[in-house]
């Protein structure tokens, strides 16, 4: 299938609204053109600095503006991060993602994150960070340190965005993605469904992603996890089928991208997840927690993979890189 960056809203809507089984069949057909049908890329996500974020994202427990009962934590030591990365590698992850609850990294933070990237990269893992907005100089230094991916989600459609966040603009997010691209890193960018948005907003989010000059190499499609104390704590839950429609359309219009199951996966049944994989999802976060929200644990994932005949994508680490200490954790 030809990769296109000129999708129209009408084309995406037509895909989205076709009969569900037709949509899933088409998505699986596109998926098999570009990926091994039974291989899943597994990532681990670690919060390196938790809480007291100055932003007002209405879904987020880490915002200092909401009383979510989250206990803020200072940034964790680099050696602790490296230990966590070794455990992730030993458990089968091929990518290690590090997130900090910042609006943007300050210059005083850069030596810390650059050392961390370099050390994790040396283990043979792909590296990913989400630190908020970046300027061009910061993006270039992260690339030079060995950062493979930078995560910066668009969250929702341009039209609905102001209903969810007021402390940064939609174009601020696009500017950061442009800095990441200009620095030569890969982009991880997707959004969240179930924020109270309409189907038209989900289509709008997909349109923004699919018409970027280069599609994001990784596209997380999160399902809102309502958190007490945040403005979206009581939002009506989105039907799982609607979430899977979003995944299937993302697979069709961004055929080379990894489509990731992220937040919200812990509430899914095995059958729900199997249907999401059928719709073209081929990446997930493993572990007990996604920054601050619960996640399906590693043991559950192994059981699910065995049940479905799935295998994890191999990390690039060699036997020499995977030290005895890493295997022992």
Protein backbone atom coordinates (compact mmCIF):
# COMPACT_ATOMS: atom_id res chain seq x y z
CA UNK A 1 0.00 0.00 0.00
CA UNK A 2 1.32 3.42 -0.96
CA UNK A 3 2.19 5.73 1.92
CA UNK A 4 0.21 8.94 1.68
CA UNK A 5 0.43 12.23 3.56
CA UNK A 6 -2.47 13.86 1.69
CA UNK A 7 -5.44 12.14 3.32
CA UNK A 8 -8.65 14.17 3.45
CA UNK A 9 -11.16 14.28 6.26
CA UNK A 10 -13.81 12.78 3.99
CA UNK A 11 -11.56 9.82 3.13
CA UNK A 12 -10.76 9.11 6.77
CA UNK A 13 -14.41 9.43 7.75
CA UNK A 14 -15.40 6.96 5.03
CA UNK A 15 -12.89 4.45 6.40
CA UNK A 16 -13.99 5.04 9.98
CA UNK A 17 -17.69 4.60 9.31
CA UNK A 18 -17.63 1.47 7.17
CA UNK A 19 -18.98 -1.77 8.67
CA UNK A 20 -16.75 -2.79 11.57
CA UNK A 21 -15.75 -6.21 10.25
CA UNK A 22 -14.87 -4.75 6.85
CA UNK A 23 -12.72 -2.14 8.56
CA UNK A 24 -10.87 -4.67 10.71
CA UNK A 25 -10.31 -6.97 7.73
CA UNK A 26 -8.83 -4.12 5.69
CA UNK A 27 -6.65 -3.02 8.59
CA UNK A 28 -5.30 -6.54 9.11
CA UNK A 29 -4.61 -6.86 5.38
CA UNK A 30 -2.61 -3.61 5.40
CA UNK A 31 -0.82 -4.69 8.57
CA UNK A 32 0.36 -7.94 6.98
CA UNK A 33 1.81 -6.06 4.01
CA UNK A 34 4.27 -4.25 6.27
CA UNK A 35 4.74 -6.23 9.50
CA UNK A 36 5.00 -9.76 10.81
CA UNK A 37 1.42 -10.50 11.80
CA UNK A 38 2.34 -12.22 15.08
CA UNK A 39 5.14 -10.02 16.38
CA UNK A 40 4.51 -7.27 18.95
CA UNK A 41 6.96 -4.53 19.86
CA UNK A 42 7.14 -4.30 23.67
CA UNK A 43 8.19 -1.15 25.51
CA UNK A 44 8.65 -0.31 29.18
CA UNK A 45 7.78 3.15 30.52
CA UNK A 46 9.37 4.67 33.62
CA UNK A 47 8.52 7.96 35.32
CA UNK A 48 11.84 9.67 36.06
CA UNK A 49 10.17 12.68 37.72
CA UNK A 50 6.59 12.44 38.98
CA UNK A 51 4.00 15.09 39.77
CA UNK A 52 3.75 18.89 40.21
CA UNK A 53 3.52 19.56 36.49
CA UNK A 54 2.44 23.18 35.82
CA UNK A 55 0.27 22.19 32.83
CA UNK A 56 -3.51 21.84 33.11
CA UNK A 57 -4.17 18.73 30.95
CA UNK A 58 -7.61 17.74 32.27
CA UNK A 59 -6.89 13.99 32.13
CA UNK A 60 -3.62 14.02 34.03
CA UNK A 61 -3.03 13.14 37.68
CA UNK A 62 0.39 14.79 37.54
CA UNK A 63 -0.96 18.32 37.11
CA UNK A 64 -0.26 20.50 40.14
CA UNK A 65 -3.65 22.14 39.54
CA UNK A 66 -5.71 19.08 40.56
CA UNK A 67 -6.15 17.20 43.81
CA UNK A 68 -5.55 13.69 42.50
CA UNK A 69 -3.83 12.48 45.70
CA UNK A 70 -0.71 11.72 43.66
CA UNK A 71 2.43 11.98 45.75
CA UNK A 72 4.99 14.06 43.89
CA UNK A 73 8.50 12.69 43.64
CA UNK A 74 11.83 14.26 42.79
CA UNK A 75 13.71 13.00 39.76
CA UNK A 76 15.18 9.56 40.36
CA UNK A 77 18.87 8.77 40.26
CA UNK A 78 20.47 7.73 36.97
CA UNK A 79 21.75 4.44 38.42
CA UNK A 80 18.20 3.54 39.47
CA UNK A 81 16.99 4.23 35.92
CA UNK A 82 19.72 2.01 34.50
CA UNK A 83 18.74 -0.81 36.86
CA UNK A 84 15.12 -0.48 35.71
CA UNK A 85 16.28 -0.54 32.09
CA UNK A 86 18.24 -3.74 32.66
CA UNK A 87 15.17 -5.36 34.17
CA UNK A 88 13.10 -4.25 31.19
CA UNK A 89 15.61 -5.73 28.77
CA UNK A 90 15.74 -9.01 30.67
CA UNK A 91 11.92 -9.22 30.62
CA UNK A 92 11.72 -8.85 26.84
CA UNK A 93 11.28 -5.13 26.16
CA UNK A 94 13.07 -3.72 23.14
CA UNK A 95 12.45 -0.05 23.95
CA UNK A 96 12.82 1.84 27.21
CA UNK A 97 10.80 5.04 27.59
CA UNK A 98 11.48 7.67 30.23
CA UNK A 99 8.96 10.37 31.15
CA UNK A 100 9.21 13.49 33.28
CA UNK A 101 6.33 15.68 34.47
CA UNK A 102 7.77 18.89 33.08
CA UNK A 103 6.33 21.59 30.86
CA UNK A 104 9.76 21.51 29.25
CA UNK A 105 13.22 20.49 30.45
CA UNK A 106 15.31 23.29 31.96
CA UNK A 107 18.94 23.59 31.02
CA UNK A 108 19.91 22.36 34.49
CA UNK A 109 18.09 19.09 33.68
CA UNK A 110 19.88 18.41 30.41
CA UNK A 111 23.09 16.79 31.76
CA UNK A 112 20.88 14.42 33.79
CA UNK A 113 18.72 13.30 30.87
CA UNK A 114 21.63 13.13 28.42
CA UNK A 115 23.61 10.83 30.73
CA UNK A 116 20.53 8.67 31.17
CA UNK A 117 19.96 8.32 27.42
CA UNK A 118 23.58 7.40 26.80
CA UNK A 119 23.63 4.75 29.54
CA UNK A 120 20.34 3.13 28.48
CA UNK A 121 21.38 3.15 24.83
CA UNK A 122 24.59 1.32 25.75
CA UNK A 123 22.50 -1.62 26.99
CA UNK A 124 21.25 -2.24 23.46
CA UNK A 125 17.73 -0.92 24.07
CA UNK A 126 15.95 1.57 21.88
CA UNK A 127 15.56 4.80 23.84
CA UNK A 128 12.54 7.07 24.12
CA UNK A 129 11.78 10.12 26.25
CA UNK A 130 8.82 12.38 26.92
CA UNK A 131 9.86 15.57 28.70
CA UNK A 132 7.36 18.12 27.42
CA UNK A 133 8.20 20.80 24.88
CA UNK A 134 11.70 20.95 23.38
CA UNK A 135 13.64 23.66 21.62
CA UNK A 136 15.86 22.82 18.68
CA UNK A 137 19.09 22.78 20.69
CA UNK A 138 17.67 20.36 23.25
CA UNK A 139 16.39 18.05 20.52
CA UNK A 140 19.80 18.00 18.84
CA UNK A 141 21.61 17.20 22.09
CA UNK A 142 19.21 14.37 22.87
CA UNK A 143 19.82 12.94 19.41
CA UNK A 144 23.59 13.19 19.88
CA UNK A 145 23.31 11.36 23.22
CA UNK A 146 21.60 8.42 21.48
CA UNK A 147 17.87 9.10 21.83
CA UNK A 148 15.95 7.13 19.21
CA UNK A 149 12.36 8.30 19.80
CA UNK A 150 10.75 11.35 21.32
CA UNK A 151 7.15 11.06 22.50
CA UNK A 152 4.90 14.11 22.27
CA UNK A 153 1.24 13.30 21.76
CA UNK A 154 -1.22 15.59 20.01
CA UNK A 155 -3.85 14.25 22.44
CA UNK A 156 -6.98 15.12 20.42
CA UNK A 157 -8.21 17.07 17.42
CA UNK A 158 -7.22 20.67 16.86
CA UNK A 159 -10.89 21.64 17.30
CA UNK A 160 -11.34 19.92 20.67
CA UNK A 161 -7.87 20.64 22.04
CA UNK A 162 -8.78 23.84 23.93
CA UNK A 163 -11.42 21.90 25.89
CA UNK A 164 -8.65 19.68 27.33
CA UNK A 165 -5.56 21.91 27.67
CA UNK A 166 -5.06 25.67 27.91
CA UNK A 167 -1.44 25.98 29.04
CA UNK A 168 0.07 25.12 25.67
CA UNK A 169 -1.35 25.30 22.17
CA UNK A 170 -1.86 22.65 19.55
CA UNK A 171 0.78 24.39 17.41
CA UNK A 172 3.23 24.28 20.34
CA UNK A 173 2.98 20.49 20.11
CA UNK A 174 3.55 20.52 16.37
CA UNK A 175 6.59 22.78 16.84
CA UNK A 176 8.18 20.26 19.22
CA UNK A 177 7.54 17.43 16.72
CA UNK A 178 9.23 19.54 14.06
CA UNK A 179 12.28 20.10 16.28
CA UNK A 180 12.49 16.35 16.86
CA UNK A 181 12.33 15.63 13.13
CA UNK A 182 14.90 18.31 12.31
CA UNK A 183 17.27 16.74 14.85
CA UNK A 184 16.95 13.36 13.12
CA UNK A 185 15.05 11.47 15.80
CA UNK A 186 12.00 9.29 15.29
CA UNK A 187 8.62 10.57 16.40
CA UNK A 188 6.23 8.86 18.81
CA UNK A 189 2.95 10.76 18.69
CA UNK A 190 -0.68 9.78 19.02
CA UNK A 191 -3.57 10.71 21.23
CA UNK A 192 -6.22 9.80 23.76
CA UNK A 193 -9.75 8.69 23.03
CA UNK A 194 -12.59 8.86 25.53
CA UNK A 195 -11.96 12.47 26.61
CA UNK A 196 -15.57 13.36 25.92
CA UNK A 197 -14.75 14.13 22.29
CA UNK A 198 -16.94 13.27 19.31
CA UNK A 199 -16.22 10.80 16.54
CA UNK A 200 -15.43 13.82 14.36
CA UNK A 201 -12.67 14.73 16.82
CA UNK A 202 -11.20 11.24 16.63
CA UNK A 203 -11.20 11.57 12.86
CA UNK A 204 -9.59 15.00 13.23
CA UNK A 205 -6.80 13.59 15.40
CA UNK A 206 -6.07 10.88 12.83
CA UNK A 207 -6.10 13.48 10.05
CA UNK A 208 -3.48 15.60 11.86
CA UNK A 209 -1.20 12.60 12.37
CA UNK A 210 -1.58 11.19 8.86
CA UNK A 211 -0.90 14.52 7.15
CA UNK A 212 2.35 15.27 8.97
CA UNK A 213 5.24 15.49 6.48
CA UNK A 214 6.45 12.12 7.79
CA UNK A 215 4.13 9.80 9.70
CA UNK A 216 5.13 9.17 13.33
CA UNK A 217 7.06 5.92 13.53
CA UNK A 218 5.10 5.09 16.67
CA UNK A 219 1.44 6.04 17.24
CA UNK A 220 0.04 5.40 20.74
CA UNK A 221 -3.77 5.23 20.82
CA UNK A 222 -4.60 5.69 24.50
CA UNK A 223 -7.96 5.13 26.15
CA UNK A 224 -8.67 7.60 28.94
CA UNK A 225 -8.14 6.24 32.43
CA UNK A 226 -10.40 8.47 34.56
CA UNK A 227 -8.57 9.64 37.69
CA UNK A 228 -10.33 10.97 40.76
CA UNK A 229 -9.57 14.63 41.33
CA UNK A 230 -9.11 15.48 37.65
CA UNK A 231 -11.79 17.29 35.61
CA UNK A 232 -12.41 14.16 33.51
CA UNK A 233 -12.88 11.81 36.45
CA UNK A 234 -16.55 11.25 35.65
CA UNK A 235 -16.51 11.31 31.86
CA UNK A 236 -18.60 8.60 30.21
CA UNK A 237 -16.46 5.66 29.12
CA UNK A 238 -15.99 5.23 25.39
CA UNK A 239 -17.12 1.96 23.89
CA UNK A 240 -14.21 -0.39 23.20
CA UNK A 241 -15.38 -0.95 19.62
CA UNK A 242 -15.01 2.78 18.94
CA UNK A 243 -11.45 2.66 20.28
CA UNK A 244 -10.67 -0.30 18.03
CA UNK A 245 -12.13 1.58 15.06
CA UNK A 246 -9.62 4.34 15.78
CA UNK A 247 -6.78 1.80 15.88
CA UNK A 248 -7.88 0.19 12.60
CA UNK A 249 -8.09 3.48 10.74
CA UNK A 250 -4.68 4.51 12.11
CA UNK A 251 -3.23 1.26 10.76
CA UNK A 252 -4.70 1.84 7.28
CA UNK A 253 -3.67 5.48 6.86
CA UNK A 254 -0.24 5.10 8.53
CA UNK A 255 0.78 1.65 7.26
CA UNK A 256 4.45 1.78 8.28
CA UNK A 257 3.86 3.05 11.82
CA UNK A 258 3.82 0.95 14.96
CA UNK A 259 0.31 1.37 16.42
CA UNK A 260 0.55 1.07 20.19
CA UNK A 261 -1.90 0.00 22.86
CA UNK A 262 -1.13 2.28 25.77
CA UNK A 263 -3.20 3.70 28.63
CA UNK A 264 -6.51 1.96 29.19
CA UNK A 265 -5.26 -1.49 28.29
CA UNK A 266 -5.53 -2.78 31.86
CA UNK A 267 -9.33 -2.63 31.62
CA UNK A 268 -9.49 -4.76 28.47
CA UNK A 269 -10.30 -8.44 28.30
CA UNK A 270 -8.03 -10.82 26.39
CA UNK A 271 -10.66 -10.87 23.65
CA UNK A 272 -10.65 -7.06 23.43
CA UNK A 273 -6.87 -7.04 23.06
CA UNK A 274 -6.95 -9.81 20.47
CA UNK A 275 -9.41 -7.74 18.45
CA UNK A 276 -7.13 -4.70 18.76
CA UNK A 277 -4.21 -6.75 17.42
CA UNK A 278 -6.46 -7.94 14.61
CA UNK A 279 -7.17 -4.28 13.84
CA UNK A 280 -3.45 -3.62 13.36
CA UNK A 281 -2.07 -2.76 16.80
CA UNK A 282 1.45 -4.16 17.06
CA UNK A 283 3.06 -2.41 20.00
CA UNK A 284 2.32 -2.10 23.71
CA UNK A 285 3.67 -1.00 27.04
CA UNK A 286 4.36 -3.81 29.49
CA UNK A 287 4.79 -3.51 33.24
CA UNK A 288 2.62 -2.76 36.23
CA UNK A 289 2.38 1.01 35.72
CA UNK A 290 2.31 3.66 32.95
CA UNK A 291 3.89 6.67 34.65
CA UNK A 292 1.16 6.87 37.32
CA UNK A 293 -1.75 4.76 36.05
CA UNK A 294 -2.16 0.96 36.32
CA UNK A 295 -1.16 -1.24 33.39
CA UNK A 296 -1.45 -4.88 32.46
CA UNK A 297 1.53 -6.53 34.11
CA UNK A 298 4.36 -8.44 32.47
CA UNK A 299 3.04 -11.82 33.67
CA UNK A 300 -0.40 -11.19 32.19
CA UNK A 301 1.17 -10.18 28.91
CA UNK A 302 3.20 -13.38 28.71
CA UNK A 303 0.04 -15.39 29.28
CA UNK A 304 -1.78 -13.39 26.61
CA UNK A 305 1.06 -13.80 24.11
CA UNK A 306 1.13 -17.55 24.72
CA UNK A 307 -2.62 -17.78 24.31
CA UNK A 308 -2.59 -15.88 21.01
CA UNK A 309 0.68 -17.25 19.61
CA UNK A 310 2.37 -13.84 19.66
CA UNK A 311 6.07 -13.13 20.13
CA UNK A 312 7.88 -10.00 21.32
CA UNK A 313 10.10 -8.14 18.90
CA UNK A 314 13.73 -8.75 19.79
CA UNK A 315 15.90 -6.04 21.32
CA UNK A 316 19.17 -5.22 19.62
CA UNK A 317 21.22 -6.16 22.66
CA UNK A 318 23.86 -8.84 22.19
CA UNK A 319 24.70 -11.52 24.72
CA UNK A 320 27.77 -9.52 25.68
CA UNK A 321 25.74 -6.38 26.30
CA UNK A 322 23.26 -8.22 28.47
CA UNK A 323 25.51 -8.64 31.47
CA UNK A 324 25.23 -11.20 34.21
CA UNK A 325 23.99 -8.43 36.51
CA UNK A 326 21.19 -7.58 34.10
CA UNK A 327 20.11 -11.21 33.82
CA UNK A 328 20.13 -11.59 37.59
CA UNK A 329 17.65 -8.83 38.36
